[in-house]
């Protein structure tokens, strides 16, 4: 795989991770809460949320693990249930 292809894949994964951050924020999580869980600064969360910067591979993996069921597509939630309705049931699980 060429370096250009690897970079394109990373950019797509990073964009999905930024979208997940945005969705978590919409679900009621504060930038501070997410920063603590991801072990980054609040400013970093803000930059990712507004796509002013992109997370590296290590942080992309952590973001993916924030909620195993969060796919980046809200269609998984019924119309009468939003992510906020799950009583903040996001699990923060990290694998080395």
C-alpha atoms as a PDB file:
ATOM      1  CA  UNK A   1       0.000   0.000   0.000  1.00  0.00           C
ATOM      2  CA  UNK A   2       1.409   3.368  -0.946  1.00  0.00           C
ATOM      3  CA  UNK A   3       1.979   6.173   1.547  1.00  0.00           C
ATOM      4  CA  UNK A   4      -0.674   8.250  -0.216  1.00  0.00           C
ATOM      5  CA  UNK A   5      -3.258   5.486   0.240  1.00  0.00           C
ATOM      6  CA  UNK A   6      -2.310   5.099   3.915  1.00  0.00           C
ATOM      7  CA  UNK A   7      -2.680   8.828   4.436  1.00  0.00           C
ATOM      8  CA  UNK A   8      -6.090   8.839   2.724  1.00  0.00           C
ATOM      9  CA  UNK A   9      -7.290   5.972   4.945  1.00  0.00           C
ATOM     10  CA  UNK A  10      -6.061   7.784   8.064  1.00  0.00           C
ATOM     11  CA  UNK A  11      -7.857  10.973   7.005  1.00  0.00           C
ATOM     12  CA  UNK A  12     -11.139   9.072   6.556  1.00  0.00           C
ATOM     13  CA  UNK A  13     -10.752   7.322   9.918  1.00  0.00           C
ATOM     14  CA  UNK A  14      -9.847  10.613  11.590  1.00  0.00           C
ATOM     15  CA  UNK A  15     -12.877  12.336  10.049  1.00  0.00           C
ATOM     16  CA  UNK A  16     -15.126   9.546  11.393  1.00  0.00           C
ATOM     17  CA  UNK A  17     -13.527   9.902  14.826  1.00  0.00           C
ATOM     18  CA  UNK A  18     -14.184  13.668  14.766  1.00  0.00           C
ATOM     19  CA  UNK A  19     -17.804  12.950  13.873  1.00  0.00           C
ATOM     20  CA  UNK A  20     -18.052  10.574  16.829  1.00  0.00           C
ATOM     21  CA  UNK A  21     -16.722  13.300  19.113  1.00  0.00           C
ATOM     22  CA  UNK A  22     -19.369  15.663  17.758  1.00  0.00           C
ATOM     23  CA  UNK A  23     -22.100  13.067  18.315  1.00  0.00           C
ATOM     24  CA  UNK A  24     -20.948  12.410  21.866  1.00  0.00           C
ATOM     25  CA  UNK A  25     -21.063  16.144  22.528  1.00  0.00           C
ATOM     26  CA  UNK A  26     -24.606  16.292  21.108  1.00  0.00           C
ATOM     27  CA  UNK A  27     -25.515  13.393  23.396  1.00  0.00           C
ATOM     28  CA  UNK A  28     -24.611  15.550  26.389  1.00  0.00           C
ATOM     29  CA  UNK A  29     -20.965  14.848  27.116  1.00  0.00           C
ATOM     30  CA  UNK A  30     -18.819  17.869  27.933  1.00  0.00           C
ATOM     31  CA  UNK A  31     -15.468  18.561  26.346  1.00  0.00           C
ATOM     32  CA  UNK A  32     -13.931  18.153  29.780  1.00  0.00           C
ATOM     33  CA  UNK A  33     -15.460  14.680  30.263  1.00  0.00           C
ATOM     34  CA  UNK A  34     -14.248  13.507  26.871  1.00  0.00           C
ATOM     35  CA  UNK A  35     -10.813  15.029  27.396  1.00  0.00           C
ATOM     36  CA  UNK A  36     -10.430  13.153  30.677  1.00  0.00           C
ATOM     37  CA  UNK A  37     -11.539   9.853  29.148  1.00  0.00           C
ATOM     38  CA  UNK A  38      -9.249  10.236  26.141  1.00  0.00           C
ATOM     39  CA  UNK A  39      -6.359  11.660  28.181  1.00  0.00           C
ATOM     40  CA  UNK A  40      -6.060  14.788  26.034  1.00  0.00           C
ATOM     41  CA  UNK A  41      -6.706  18.468  26.671  1.00  0.00           C
ATOM     42  CA  UNK A  42     -10.088  20.134  26.414  1.00  0.00           C
ATOM     43  CA  UNK A  43      -8.644  22.266  23.600  1.00  0.00           C
ATOM     44  CA  UNK A  44      -7.777  19.098  21.673  1.00  0.00           C
ATOM     45  CA  UNK A  45     -11.389  17.878  21.954  1.00  0.00           C
ATOM     46  CA  UNK A  46     -12.588  21.277  20.735  1.00  0.00           C
ATOM     47  CA  UNK A  47     -10.224  21.141  17.754  1.00  0.00           C
ATOM     48  CA  UNK A  48     -11.374  17.646  16.825  1.00  0.00           C
ATOM     49  CA  UNK A  49     -15.033  18.550  17.284  1.00  0.00           C
ATOM     50  CA  UNK A  50     -14.701  21.444  14.839  1.00  0.00           C
ATOM     51  CA  UNK A  51     -12.174  19.574  12.644  1.00  0.00           C
ATOM     52  CA  UNK A  52      -9.453  22.137  13.125  1.00  0.00           C
ATOM     53  CA  UNK A  53      -7.084  19.237  13.698  1.00  0.00           C
ATOM     54  CA  UNK A  54      -7.301  15.454  13.377  1.00  0.00           C
ATOM     55  CA  UNK A  55      -6.532  12.757  15.944  1.00  0.00           C
ATOM     56  CA  UNK A  56      -3.583  10.430  15.450  1.00  0.00           C
ATOM     57  CA  UNK A  57      -3.997   6.651  15.097  1.00  0.00           C
ATOM     58  CA  UNK A  58      -3.700   6.038  18.843  1.00  0.00           C
ATOM     59  CA  UNK A  59      -6.464   8.527  19.618  1.00  0.00           C
ATOM     60  CA  UNK A  60      -8.635   7.280  16.751  1.00  0.00           C
ATOM     61  CA  UNK A  61      -8.589   3.838  18.403  1.00  0.00           C
ATOM     62  CA  UNK A  62      -9.528   5.349  21.773  1.00  0.00           C
ATOM     63  CA  UNK A  63     -12.400   7.302  20.238  1.00  0.00           C
ATOM     64  CA  UNK A  64     -13.704   4.174  18.500  1.00  0.00           C
ATOM     65  CA  UNK A  65     -13.757   2.424  21.877  1.00  0.00           C
ATOM     66  CA  UNK A  66     -15.818   5.123  23.587  1.00  0.00           C
ATOM     67  CA  UNK A  67     -19.025   3.452  22.520  1.00  0.00           C
ATOM     68  CA  UNK A  68     -18.922   0.173  20.621  1.00  0.00           C
ATOM     69  CA  UNK A  69     -22.405   0.774  19.198  1.00  0.00           C
ATOM     70  CA  UNK A  70     -21.810   4.312  17.981  1.00  0.00           C
ATOM     71  CA  UNK A  71     -21.193   3.964  14.260  1.00  0.00           C
ATOM     72  CA  UNK A  72     -21.214   7.545  13.090  1.00  0.00           C
ATOM     73  CA  UNK A  73     -24.733   6.986  11.759  1.00  0.00           C
ATOM     74  CA  UNK A  74     -27.673   7.952  13.944  1.00  0.00           C
ATOM     75  CA  UNK A  75     -30.044   5.650  12.050  1.00  0.00           C
ATOM     76  CA  UNK A  76     -29.382   2.944  14.637  1.00  0.00           C
ATOM     77  CA  UNK A  77     -31.483   4.912  17.116  1.00  0.00           C
ATOM     78  CA  UNK A  78     -35.236   4.813  16.822  1.00  0.00           C
ATOM     79  CA  UNK A  79     -37.041   8.103  16.392  1.00  0.00           C
ATOM     80  CA  UNK A  80     -38.252   8.032  19.970  1.00  0.00           C
ATOM     81  CA  UNK A  81     -34.816   7.170  21.382  1.00  0.00           C
ATOM     82  CA  UNK A  82     -31.778   9.365  20.966  1.00  0.00           C
ATOM     83  CA  UNK A  83     -28.257   8.691  22.276  1.00  0.00           C
ATOM     84  CA  UNK A  84     -29.031  11.095  25.126  1.00  0.00           C
ATOM     85  CA  UNK A  85     -31.957   8.865  26.150  1.00  0.00           C
ATOM     86  CA  UNK A  86     -29.648   5.990  27.006  1.00  0.00           C
ATOM     87  CA  UNK A  87     -28.893   7.761  30.286  1.00  0.00           C
ATOM     88  CA  UNK A  88     -25.331   8.480  29.325  1.00  0.00           C
ATOM     89  CA  UNK A  89     -24.601   4.775  29.011  1.00  0.00           C
ATOM     90  CA  UNK A  90     -21.405   5.145  27.052  1.00  0.00           C
ATOM     91  CA  UNK A  91     -18.716   2.754  28.134  1.00  0.00           C
ATOM     92  CA  UNK A  92     -15.145   3.930  28.076  1.00  0.00           C
ATOM     93  CA  UNK A  93     -13.090   0.846  27.357  1.00  0.00           C
ATOM     94  CA  UNK A  94      -9.527   1.043  26.122  1.00  0.00           C
ATOM     95  CA  UNK A  95      -7.408  -1.754  24.812  1.00  0.00           C
ATOM     96  CA  UNK A  96      -3.629  -1.426  24.729  1.00  0.00           C
END
